[in-house]
Amino acid sequence: MSAVDLKNRKTKSGGGRFLPAAIIFLAIVLGFIAVSVYLRWHQAREIAISRRKAEIRIEVLNGTKKGGLAQEVAAMLRKDGFDVVDVANAENDSFPETVVVDRADNGRSNAVLVAKTLKCQNIIPQTEPTSLLEVTVIIGQDRLKDKKKGFLGISF
């Protein structure tokens, strides 16, 4: 073939016309797959956390003078999926802050999970190998503070 023949040769038209659409379609399909994988991973993680919460046996003690506070916190923990096995008064009724006591020797993971739920910063390790509890929560004076009221009196 000469150079003139190469110039006059017809090229296939429309060969690259569908390439951008195919790339966009492939990107959309890959995006759907990525979102699906993430949602399944997130759901499996939530199920694992729910199962773990159900296995944590908690004792809630009222360390304040306000009656019924331990029952309120126990109800909240039960609603969140924890296994609250005992509710009582603490030996001292003047705890300044709520305390989460880790009774099991598992690297504080149970106590951390309970503390996150209660938005509590105080975690104390106090392992008792003979105890049937994993966590003890002692409610302190910080739980007595009035919650901020928003529009229409809704607490937040």
N, C-alpha and C. Protein backbone atom coordinates (compact mmCIF):
# COMPACT_ATOMS: atom_id res chain seq x y z
N MET A 1 0.84 -1.17 0.00
CA MET A 1 0.00 0.00 0.00
C MET A 1 0.88 1.24 0.00
N SER A 2 0.48 2.13 -0.81
CA SER A 2 1.24 3.37 -0.89
C SER A 2 0.66 4.38 0.10
N ALA A 3 1.35 5.48 0.24
CA ALA A 3 0.90 6.53 1.16
C ALA A 3 -0.41 7.14 0.70
N VAL A 4 -0.63 7.19 -0.60
CA VAL A 4 -1.86 7.76 -1.13
C VAL A 4 -3.03 6.84 -0.80
N ASP A 5 -2.81 5.52 -0.90
CA ASP A 5 -3.86 4.56 -0.59
C ASP A 5 -4.26 4.64 0.90
N LEU A 6 -3.29 4.86 1.76
CA LEU A 6 -3.59 4.97 3.19
C LEU A 6 -4.42 6.21 3.49
N LYS A 7 -4.16 7.30 2.74
CA LYS A 7 -4.91 8.52 2.95
C LYS A 7 -6.35 8.37 2.50
N ASN A 8 -6.54 7.68 1.41
CA ASN A 8 -7.87 7.56 0.82
C ASN A 8 -8.68 6.42 1.43
N ARG A 9 -8.07 5.62 2.26
CA ARG A 9 -8.76 4.48 2.84
C ARG A 9 -9.84 4.97 3.81
N LYS A 10 -10.98 4.34 3.75
CA LYS A 10 -12.09 4.72 4.63
C LYS A 10 -11.83 4.14 6.01
N THR A 11 -12.09 4.97 6.99
CA THR A 11 -11.96 4.48 8.37
C THR A 11 -13.33 4.13 8.88
N LYS A 12 -13.33 3.25 9.87
CA LYS A 12 -14.61 2.87 10.48
C LYS A 12 -15.12 4.06 11.28
N SER A 13 -16.32 4.43 11.02
CA SER A 13 -16.88 5.57 11.73
C SER A 13 -17.71 5.10 12.92
N GLY A 14 -17.75 5.90 13.99
CA GLY A 14 -18.57 5.59 15.16
C GLY A 14 -17.93 4.62 16.12
N GLY A 15 -16.70 4.24 15.92
CA GLY A 15 -16.05 3.28 16.80
C GLY A 15 -15.88 3.80 18.21
N GLY A 16 -15.63 5.07 18.38
CA GLY A 16 -15.42 5.64 19.70
C GLY A 16 -16.63 6.36 20.25
N ARG A 17 -17.74 6.28 19.56
CA ARG A 17 -18.93 7.02 19.97
C ARG A 17 -19.53 6.46 21.27
N PHE A 18 -19.48 5.17 21.45
CA PHE A 18 -20.11 4.55 22.63
C PHE A 18 -19.16 4.39 23.81
N LEU A 19 -17.89 4.68 23.61
CA LEU A 19 -16.91 4.50 24.68
C LEU A 19 -17.21 5.36 25.91
N PRO A 20 -17.49 6.65 25.80
CA PRO A 20 -17.81 7.43 27.01
C PRO A 20 -19.06 6.91 27.73
N ALA A 21 -20.07 6.50 26.97
CA ALA A 21 -21.29 5.98 27.60
C ALA A 21 -20.99 4.67 28.33
N ALA A 22 -20.14 3.84 27.73
CA ALA A 22 -19.78 2.57 28.37
C ALA A 22 -19.00 2.81 29.65
N ILE A 23 -18.12 3.79 29.64
CA ILE A 23 -17.33 4.11 30.83
C ILE A 23 -18.25 4.63 31.94
N ILE A 24 -19.18 5.49 31.59
CA ILE A 24 -20.12 6.02 32.58
C ILE A 24 -20.98 4.90 33.15
N PHE A 25 -21.47 4.02 32.28
CA PHE A 25 -22.27 2.88 32.74
C PHE A 25 -21.47 1.99 33.68
N LEU A 26 -20.22 1.70 33.31
CA LEU A 26 -19.36 0.87 34.16
C LEU A 26 -19.11 1.54 35.51
N ALA A 27 -18.90 2.86 35.51
CA ALA A 27 -18.69 3.58 36.77
C ALA A 27 -19.93 3.51 37.66
N ILE A 28 -21.12 3.62 37.06
CA ILE A 28 -22.36 3.54 37.83
C ILE A 28 -22.53 2.15 38.42
N VAL A 29 -22.27 1.11 37.65
CA VAL A 29 -22.39 -0.27 38.13
C VAL A 29 -21.40 -0.51 39.28
N LEU A 30 -20.16 -0.06 39.11
CA LEU A 30 -19.17 -0.23 40.17
C LEU A 30 -19.55 0.56 41.42
N GLY A 31 -20.15 1.73 41.23
CA GLY A 31 -20.64 2.50 42.38
C GLY A 31 -21.72 1.77 43.14
N PHE A 32 -22.68 1.17 42.41
CA PHE A 32 -23.73 0.39 43.06
C PHE A 32 -23.16 -0.80 43.81
N ILE A 33 -22.17 -1.46 43.24
CA ILE A 33 -21.54 -2.60 43.90
C ILE A 33 -20.84 -2.15 45.18
N ALA A 34 -20.11 -1.03 45.10
CA ALA A 34 -19.40 -0.53 46.28
C ALA A 34 -20.37 -0.15 47.40
N VAL A 35 -21.47 0.51 47.06
CA VAL A 35 -22.47 0.88 48.06
C VAL A 35 -23.09 -0.37 48.67
N SER A 36 -23.38 -1.36 47.86
CA SER A 36 -23.97 -2.61 48.35
C SER A 36 -23.03 -3.33 49.32
N VAL A 37 -21.76 -3.39 48.98
CA VAL A 37 -20.78 -4.04 49.86
C VAL A 37 -20.67 -3.28 51.18
N TYR A 38 -20.63 -1.95 51.11
CA TYR A 38 -20.55 -1.16 52.34
C TYR A 38 -21.77 -1.37 53.21
N LEU A 39 -22.96 -1.36 52.62
CA LEU A 39 -24.18 -1.53 53.40
C LEU A 39 -24.24 -2.90 54.05
N ARG A 40 -23.81 -3.93 53.35
CA ARG A 40 -23.78 -5.28 53.95
C ARG A 40 -22.77 -5.34 55.09
N TRP A 41 -21.61 -4.73 54.91
CA TRP A 41 -20.60 -4.72 55.97
C TRP A 41 -21.12 -3.98 57.19
N HIS A 42 -21.75 -2.83 56.95
CA HIS A 42 -22.29 -2.02 58.05
C HIS A 42 -23.39 -2.78 58.79
N GLN A 43 -24.26 -3.46 58.05
CA GLN A 43 -25.34 -4.22 58.68
C GLN A 43 -24.77 -5.38 59.51
N ALA A 44 -23.77 -6.07 58.98
CA ALA A 44 -23.15 -7.17 59.73
C ALA A 44 -22.48 -6.65 61.00
N ARG A 45 -21.87 -5.48 60.92
CA ARG A 45 -21.23 -4.89 62.09
C ARG A 45 -22.27 -4.52 63.15
N GLU A 46 -23.39 -3.95 62.73
CA GLU A 46 -24.45 -3.59 63.66
C GLU A 46 -25.04 -4.83 64.34
N ILE A 47 -25.20 -5.90 63.59
CA ILE A 47 -25.71 -7.15 64.16
C ILE A 47 -24.73 -7.69 65.19
N ALA A 48 -23.44 -7.64 64.89
CA ALA A 48 -22.43 -8.13 65.83
C ALA A 48 -22.43 -7.30 67.11
N ILE A 49 -22.58 -5.98 66.98
CA ILE A 49 -22.62 -5.13 68.17
C ILE A 49 -23.88 -5.41 68.99
N SER A 50 -25.02 -5.62 68.32
CA SER A 50 -26.26 -5.94 69.03
C SER A 50 -26.13 -7.25 69.80
N ARG A 51 -25.53 -8.25 69.18
CA ARG A 51 -25.33 -9.54 69.88
C ARG A 51 -24.41 -9.36 71.08
N ARG A 52 -23.36 -8.56 70.89
CA ARG A 52 -22.41 -8.35 71.98
C ARG A 52 -23.07 -7.62 73.14
N LYS A 53 -23.91 -6.62 72.83
CA LYS A 53 -24.63 -5.89 73.88
C LYS A 53 -25.51 -6.84 74.68
N ALA A 54 -26.17 -7.77 74.02
CA ALA A 54 -27.06 -8.70 74.70
C ALA A 54 -26.30 -9.64 75.63
N GLU A 55 -25.01 -9.82 75.41
CA GLU A 55 -24.20 -10.72 76.23
C GLU A 55 -23.58 -10.03 77.44
N ILE A 56 -23.65 -8.71 77.49
CA ILE A 56 -23.04 -7.96 78.60
C ILE A 56 -24.05 -7.84 79.74
N ARG A 57 -23.72 -8.48 80.87
CA ARG A 57 -24.58 -8.40 82.05
C ARG A 57 -24.18 -7.19 82.88
N ILE A 58 -25.17 -6.34 83.14
CA ILE A 58 -24.90 -5.05 83.79
C ILE A 58 -25.68 -4.93 85.09
N GLU A 59 -25.02 -4.34 86.07
CA GLU A 59 -25.65 -3.97 87.33
C GLU A 59 -25.67 -2.44 87.36
N VAL A 60 -26.84 -1.85 87.64
CA VAL A 60 -26.96 -0.39 87.70
C VAL A 60 -27.25 0.00 89.14
N LEU A 61 -26.39 0.87 89.69
CA LEU A 61 -26.53 1.32 91.08
C LEU A 61 -26.77 2.83 91.10
N ASN A 62 -27.71 3.25 91.92
CA ASN A 62 -28.02 4.67 92.06
C ASN A 62 -27.09 5.27 93.11
N GLY A 63 -26.21 6.16 92.67
CA GLY A 63 -25.28 6.83 93.58
C GLY A 63 -25.71 8.25 93.90
N THR A 64 -27.04 8.50 93.80
CA THR A 64 -27.58 9.83 94.11
C THR A 64 -28.72 9.69 95.11
N LYS A 65 -29.24 10.83 95.55
CA LYS A 65 -30.37 10.81 96.47
C LYS A 65 -31.71 10.76 95.74
N LYS A 66 -31.69 10.95 94.43
CA LYS A 66 -32.93 10.94 93.66
C LYS A 66 -33.39 9.50 93.45
N GLY A 67 -34.57 9.19 93.91
CA GLY A 67 -35.11 7.84 93.76
C GLY A 67 -35.52 7.55 92.33
N GLY A 68 -35.34 6.32 91.90
CA GLY A 68 -35.78 5.88 90.59
C GLY A 68 -34.82 6.17 89.45
N LEU A 69 -33.71 6.82 89.74
CA LEU A 69 -32.76 7.16 88.69
C LEU A 69 -32.10 5.91 88.10
N ALA A 70 -31.78 4.94 88.94
CA ALA A 70 -31.18 3.70 88.44
C ALA A 70 -32.15 2.95 87.53
N GLN A 71 -33.45 2.97 87.87
CA GLN A 71 -34.44 2.31 87.02
C GLN A 71 -34.53 2.99 85.65
N GLU A 72 -34.44 4.33 85.63
CA GLU A 72 -34.48 5.05 84.36
C GLU A 72 -33.30 4.67 83.48
N VAL A 73 -32.11 4.65 84.07
CA VAL A 73 -30.91 4.31 83.29
C VAL A 73 -30.97 2.85 82.86
N ALA A 74 -31.44 1.97 83.74
CA ALA A 74 -31.56 0.56 83.38
C ALA A 74 -32.53 0.37 82.21
N ALA A 75 -33.63 1.10 82.23
CA ALA A 75 -34.59 1.01 81.13
C ALA A 75 -33.97 1.49 79.82
N MET A 76 -33.18 2.54 79.89
CA MET A 76 -32.51 3.05 78.70
C MET A 76 -31.51 2.02 78.16
N LEU A 77 -30.74 1.41 79.06
CA LEU A 77 -29.77 0.40 78.63
C LEU A 77 -30.47 -0.83 78.05
N ARG A 78 -31.57 -1.25 78.66
CA ARG A 78 -32.33 -2.38 78.12
C ARG A 78 -32.88 -2.06 76.73
N LYS A 79 -33.38 -0.85 76.57
CA LYS A 79 -33.91 -0.44 75.27
C LYS A 79 -32.82 -0.46 74.21
N ASP A 80 -31.59 -0.18 74.62
CA ASP A 80 -30.46 -0.19 73.70
C ASP A 80 -29.91 -1.60 73.47
N GLY A 81 -30.46 -2.60 74.15
CA GLY A 81 -30.08 -3.99 73.89
C GLY A 81 -29.20 -4.65 74.93
N PHE A 82 -28.87 -3.96 75.99
CA PHE A 82 -28.03 -4.55 77.04
C PHE A 82 -28.85 -5.43 77.97
N ASP A 83 -28.16 -6.34 78.67
CA ASP A 83 -28.80 -7.24 79.62
C ASP A 83 -28.57 -6.70 81.03
N VAL A 84 -29.52 -5.92 81.53
CA VAL A 84 -29.42 -5.38 82.89
C VAL A 84 -30.01 -6.41 83.84
N VAL A 85 -29.16 -6.94 84.73
CA VAL A 85 -29.60 -8.02 85.60
C VAL A 85 -29.91 -7.57 87.02
N ASP A 86 -29.45 -6.37 87.40
CA ASP A 86 -29.70 -5.92 88.77
C ASP A 86 -29.76 -4.40 88.81
N VAL A 87 -30.70 -3.88 89.60
CA VAL A 87 -30.84 -2.45 89.83
C VAL A 87 -30.98 -2.25 91.33
N ALA A 88 -30.12 -1.39 91.89
CA ALA A 88 -30.14 -1.18 93.34
C ALA A 88 -29.54 0.19 93.65
N ASN A 89 -29.47 0.49 94.95
CA ASN A 89 -28.81 1.71 95.40
C ASN A 89 -27.35 1.41 95.70
N ALA A 90 -26.49 2.39 95.44
CA ALA A 90 -25.07 2.25 95.79
C ALA A 90 -24.91 2.45 97.29
N GLU A 91 -23.78 2.02 97.82
CA GLU A 91 -23.51 2.20 99.25
C GLU A 91 -23.42 3.67 99.62
N ASN A 92 -22.98 4.49 98.68
CA ASN A 92 -22.83 5.92 98.90
C ASN A 92 -23.78 6.65 97.96
N ASP A 93 -24.51 7.64 98.45
CA ASP A 93 -25.46 8.34 97.59
C ASP A 93 -24.98 9.72 97.18
N SER A 94 -23.66 9.92 97.13
CA SER A 94 -23.13 11.23 96.75
C SER A 94 -22.01 11.11 95.72
N PHE A 95 -22.18 10.24 94.73
CA PHE A 95 -21.20 10.14 93.65
C PHE A 95 -21.32 11.40 92.77
N PRO A 96 -20.23 12.11 92.56
CA PRO A 96 -20.32 13.34 91.76
C PRO A 96 -20.55 13.05 90.27
N GLU A 97 -19.97 11.97 89.78
CA GLU A 97 -20.10 11.64 88.36
C GLU A 97 -20.45 10.16 88.19
N THR A 98 -21.06 9.86 87.06
CA THR A 98 -21.38 8.48 86.72
C THR A 98 -20.08 7.74 86.43
N VAL A 99 -20.01 6.50 86.90
CA VAL A 99 -18.82 5.67 86.75
C VAL A 99 -19.22 4.32 86.16
N VAL A 100 -18.44 3.85 85.19
CA VAL A 100 -18.64 2.51 84.62
C VAL A 100 -17.48 1.66 85.11
N VAL A 101 -17.81 0.59 85.83
CA VAL A 101 -16.79 -0.29 86.40
C VAL A 101 -16.71 -1.56 85.57
N ASP A 102 -15.51 -1.83 85.08
CA ASP A 102 -15.28 -3.04 84.27
C ASP A 102 -14.98 -4.20 85.20
N ARG A 103 -15.86 -5.19 85.21
CA ARG A 103 -15.70 -6.35 86.09
C ARG A 103 -15.06 -7.54 85.37
N ALA A 104 -15.09 -7.56 84.05
CA ALA A 104 -14.54 -8.68 83.27
C ALA A 104 -13.18 -8.29 82.72
N ASP A 105 -12.34 -9.26 82.57
CA ASP A 105 -11.00 -9.01 82.06
C ASP A 105 -10.97 -9.26 80.55
N ASN A 106 -11.47 -8.29 79.79
CA ASN A 106 -11.48 -8.44 78.33
C ASN A 106 -10.95 -7.20 77.64
N GLY A 107 -10.06 -6.51 78.27
CA GLY A 107 -9.50 -5.31 77.69
C GLY A 107 -10.44 -4.13 77.70
N ARG A 108 -11.37 -4.08 78.63
CA ARG A 108 -12.31 -2.97 78.84
C ARG A 108 -13.31 -2.79 77.71
N SER A 109 -13.38 -3.68 76.75
CA SER A 109 -14.27 -3.45 75.61
C SER A 109 -15.74 -3.40 76.01
N ASN A 110 -16.16 -4.23 76.97
CA ASN A 110 -17.55 -4.18 77.44
C ASN A 110 -17.85 -2.84 78.11
N ALA A 111 -16.95 -2.43 78.99
CA ALA A 111 -17.15 -1.18 79.71
C ALA A 111 -17.15 0.02 78.75
N VAL A 112 -16.31 -0.03 77.74
CA VAL A 112 -16.25 1.06 76.77
C VAL A 112 -17.56 1.15 76.00
N LEU A 113 -18.12 0.02 75.62
CA LEU A 113 -19.39 0.00 74.89
C LEU A 113 -20.51 0.60 75.75
N VAL A 114 -20.57 0.24 77.02
CA VAL A 114 -21.58 0.78 77.93
C VAL A 114 -21.34 2.27 78.15
N ALA A 115 -20.09 2.66 78.35
CA ALA A 115 -19.76 4.06 78.59
C ALA A 115 -20.12 4.93 77.39
N LYS A 116 -19.90 4.43 76.18
CA LYS A 116 -20.30 5.20 74.99
C LYS A 116 -21.80 5.40 74.96
N THR A 117 -22.54 4.37 75.32
CA THR A 117 -24.00 4.48 75.32
C THR A 117 -24.45 5.53 76.33
N LEU A 118 -23.81 5.56 77.48
CA LEU A 118 -24.18 6.51 78.54
C LEU A 118 -23.50 7.86 78.39
N LYS A 119 -22.62 8.00 77.41
CA LYS A 119 -21.83 9.22 77.22
C LYS A 119 -21.07 9.55 78.51
N CYS A 120 -20.40 8.54 79.02
CA CYS A 120 -19.66 8.62 80.27
C CYS A 120 -18.16 8.49 79.98
N GLN A 121 -17.36 9.29 80.65
CA GLN A 121 -15.91 9.29 80.45
C GLN A 121 -15.17 8.44 81.49
N ASN A 122 -15.84 8.11 82.59
CA ASN A 122 -15.16 7.47 83.72
C ASN A 122 -15.31 5.96 83.66
N ILE A 123 -14.21 5.28 83.33
CA ILE A 123 -14.18 3.82 83.31
C ILE A 123 -13.11 3.37 84.29
N ILE A 124 -13.52 2.50 85.21
CA ILE A 124 -12.60 2.01 86.23
C ILE A 124 -12.48 0.50 86.09
N PRO A 125 -11.26 -0.04 85.92
CA PRO A 125 -11.11 -1.50 85.89
C PRO A 125 -11.11 -2.05 87.32
N GLN A 126 -11.94 -3.01 87.56
CA GLN A 126 -12.01 -3.66 88.87
C GLN A 126 -12.46 -5.10 88.64
N THR A 127 -11.56 -5.91 88.12
CA THR A 127 -11.93 -7.27 87.72
C THR A 127 -12.19 -8.13 88.95
N GLU A 128 -13.23 -8.92 88.81
CA GLU A 128 -13.60 -9.90 89.84
C GLU A 128 -13.86 -11.22 89.12
N PRO A 129 -12.94 -12.15 89.20
CA PRO A 129 -13.09 -13.41 88.46
C PRO A 129 -14.33 -14.21 88.88
N THR A 130 -14.80 -14.02 90.10
CA THR A 130 -15.96 -14.80 90.56
C THR A 130 -17.28 -14.11 90.26
N SER A 131 -17.24 -12.86 89.80
CA SER A 131 -18.46 -12.11 89.53
C SER A 131 -19.15 -12.63 88.27
N LEU A 132 -20.47 -12.62 88.31
CA LEU A 132 -21.26 -13.00 87.14
C LEU A 132 -21.58 -11.79 86.27
N LEU A 133 -21.09 -10.63 86.67
CA LEU A 133 -21.34 -9.39 85.94
C LEU A 133 -20.13 -9.03 85.09
N GLU A 134 -20.41 -8.35 83.98
CA GLU A 134 -19.32 -7.81 83.18
C GLU A 134 -19.09 -6.33 83.50
N VAL A 135 -20.18 -5.62 83.84
CA VAL A 135 -20.08 -4.17 84.06
C VAL A 135 -21.01 -3.76 85.20
N THR A 136 -20.53 -2.82 86.01
CA THR A 136 -21.36 -2.15 87.01
C THR A 136 -21.39 -0.67 86.66
N VAL A 137 -22.58 -0.09 86.64
CA VAL A 137 -22.74 1.34 86.38
C VAL A 137 -23.23 1.98 87.67
N ILE A 138 -22.49 2.99 88.13
CA ILE A 138 -22.90 3.74 89.31
C ILE A 138 -23.30 5.13 88.83
N ILE A 139 -24.58 5.45 88.99
CA ILE A 139 -25.12 6.71 88.51
C ILE A 139 -24.73 7.82 89.47
N GLY A 140 -24.19 8.92 88.92
CA GLY A 140 -23.73 10.04 89.74
C GLY A 140 -24.59 11.28 89.57
N GLN A 141 -24.19 12.32 90.28
CA GLN A 141 -24.91 13.60 90.29
C GLN A 141 -25.00 14.23 88.90
N ASP A 142 -24.05 13.91 88.02
CA ASP A 142 -24.08 14.51 86.68
C ASP A 142 -25.32 14.12 85.89
N ARG A 143 -25.98 13.04 86.27
CA ARG A 143 -27.22 12.62 85.59
C ARG A 143 -28.43 13.42 86.08
N LEU A 144 -28.27 14.16 87.16
CA LEU A 144 -29.38 14.94 87.70
C LEU A 144 -29.56 16.29 87.03
N LYS A 145 -28.54 16.75 86.32
CA LYS A 145 -28.61 18.06 85.69
C LYS A 145 -29.74 18.09 84.68
N ASP A 146 -30.43 19.22 84.65
CA ASP A 146 -31.54 19.37 83.71
C ASP A 146 -31.03 19.32 82.29
N LYS A 147 -31.77 18.60 81.46
CA LYS A 147 -31.44 18.55 80.05
C LYS A 147 -31.93 19.84 79.40
N LYS A 148 -31.23 20.27 78.38
CA LYS A 148 -31.64 21.47 77.67
C LYS A 148 -32.96 21.22 76.96
N LYS A 149 -33.82 22.19 77.07
CA LYS A 149 -35.12 22.09 76.40
C LYS A 149 -35.08 22.93 75.13
N GLY A 150 -35.52 22.33 74.06
CA GLY A 150 -35.56 23.02 72.79
C GLY A 150 -36.96 23.55 72.52
N PHE A 151 -37.22 23.84 71.28
CA PHE A 151 -38.51 24.33 70.85
C PHE A 151 -39.59 23.31 71.21
N LEU A 152 -40.70 23.75 71.73
CA LEU A 152 -41.83 22.92 72.15
C LEU A 152 -41.50 22.05 73.36
N GLY A 153 -40.43 22.38 74.09
CA GLY A 153 -40.12 21.66 75.30
C GLY A 153 -39.50 20.29 75.09
N ILE A 154 -39.00 20.02 73.89
CA ILE A 154 -38.40 18.72 73.60
C ILE A 154 -36.97 18.71 74.11
N SER A 155 -36.62 17.69 74.91
CA SER A 155 -35.27 17.57 75.45
C SER A 155 -34.33 17.06 74.38
N PHE A 156 -33.09 17.55 74.45
CA PHE A 156 -32.05 17.03 73.57
C PHE A 156 -30.74 16.98 74.28
